[in-house]
Protein backbone atom coordinates (compact mmCIF):
# COMPACT_ATOMS: atom_id res chain seq x y z
CA MET A 1 122.93 93.96 121.85
CA ALA A 2 120.46 91.45 123.30
CA ARG A 3 117.83 90.03 121.01
CA GLN A 4 114.22 90.98 121.63
CA LYS A 5 112.00 88.05 122.61
CA TYR A 6 108.48 87.69 121.22
CA ILE A 7 105.61 85.25 120.94
CA ILE A 8 103.32 84.50 118.00
CA THR A 9 99.60 84.02 118.70
CA PHE A 10 96.84 82.78 116.41
CA GLU A 11 93.19 83.73 116.94
CA THR A 12 90.06 83.02 114.89
CA TYR A 13 86.80 84.96 115.16
CA GLN A 14 83.38 84.44 113.61
CA ASN A 15 81.53 87.28 115.37
CA SER A 16 82.02 91.03 115.33
CA LYS A 17 84.56 92.09 117.94
CA TYR A 18 87.02 94.78 119.00
CA ILE A 19 90.66 93.67 118.99
CA LYS A 20 93.39 95.58 120.84
CA SER A 21 96.57 95.00 118.91
CA ASN A 22 99.34 95.93 121.40
CA CYS A 23 101.84 94.04 119.29
CA GLY A 24 104.75 94.44 116.91
CA ASP A 25 103.18 92.92 113.79
CA ILE A 26 99.62 91.85 113.01
CA SER A 27 98.00 90.04 110.08
CA PHE A 28 94.34 89.49 109.23
CA ILE A 29 93.25 86.65 106.93
CA ASN A 30 89.66 86.34 105.79
CA ASN A 31 89.01 82.58 105.61
CA GLY A 32 85.24 83.03 105.45
CA GLY A 33 82.79 83.16 102.61
CA THR A 34 81.71 86.78 103.19
CA SER A 35 83.49 90.11 103.45
CA ALA A 36 85.04 91.12 106.76
CA PHE A 37 85.59 94.76 107.69
CA LEU A 38 88.50 96.14 109.73
CA ASN A 39 87.62 99.63 110.95
CA GLY A 40 85.48 99.96 107.83
CA PHE A 41 88.11 98.60 105.38
CA GLU A 42 86.67 95.71 103.38
CA LEU A 43 88.67 92.48 103.39
CA LEU A 44 87.25 90.20 100.70
CA PRO A 45 86.99 86.41 101.17
CA GLY A 46 90.44 84.86 100.71
CA ALA A 47 92.23 88.21 101.13
CA SER A 48 94.70 89.23 103.82
CA ILE A 49 96.35 92.38 105.11
CA SER A 50 99.39 92.76 107.37
CA PHE A 51 100.96 95.59 109.31
CA THR A 52 104.65 95.33 110.14
CA ASN A 53 106.42 97.70 112.50
CA ASN A 54 110.01 98.82 112.70
CA TYR A 55 112.27 97.83 115.58
CA ASP A 56 111.04 99.22 118.95
CA GLU A 57 107.60 100.22 117.59
CA ILE A 58 104.32 98.85 118.98
CA ASP A 59 100.97 98.94 117.16
CA VAL A 60 98.32 100.10 119.65
CA THR A 61 95.44 100.29 117.18
CA ASN A 62 91.99 99.15 118.31
CA TYR A 63 90.55 97.19 115.40
CA GLN A 64 86.79 96.77 115.02
CA ILE A 65 86.01 93.58 113.14
CA THR A 66 82.57 93.27 111.56
CA PHE A 67 81.17 90.91 108.95
CA GLN A 68 78.90 91.33 105.94
CA SER A 69 76.81 88.35 107.07
CA ASP A 70 75.13 87.63 110.39
CA THR A 71 75.49 83.88 109.75
CA ILE A 72 78.61 82.88 111.69
CA THR A 73 79.13 79.74 109.59
CA ASN A 74 80.08 82.06 106.69
CA ASN A 75 82.35 84.28 108.82
CA SER A 76 85.95 83.53 109.71
CA ILE A 77 88.85 85.88 110.20
CA GLN A 78 92.19 84.68 111.44
CA ILE A 79 94.57 87.02 113.26
CA ILE A 80 98.29 86.40 113.68
CA LYS A 81 100.09 88.66 116.16
CA LYS A 82 103.76 89.09 117.05
CA THR A 83 103.89 90.32 120.63
CA TYR A 84 107.13 91.31 122.35
CA VAL A 85 107.96 89.78 125.73
CA LEU A 86 109.88 91.62 128.46
């Protein structure tokens, strides 16, 4: 059986945004000083959450990222995605 190829990408956001996952695994890390919200789920400062899929599964969730503060200097969420390559 051939091994599945993938790439890892890192993204950082300070403003509210919609993220299309379209990946195998995804992690969110709140590096900011205020709460971040993922589809309404509160991610406290310093907290992280990850979603890992089984072999041959793809996460197609559209994540809405919003922040408790409008001051972008306090907002920072890092996203790490594992995306499969054909």
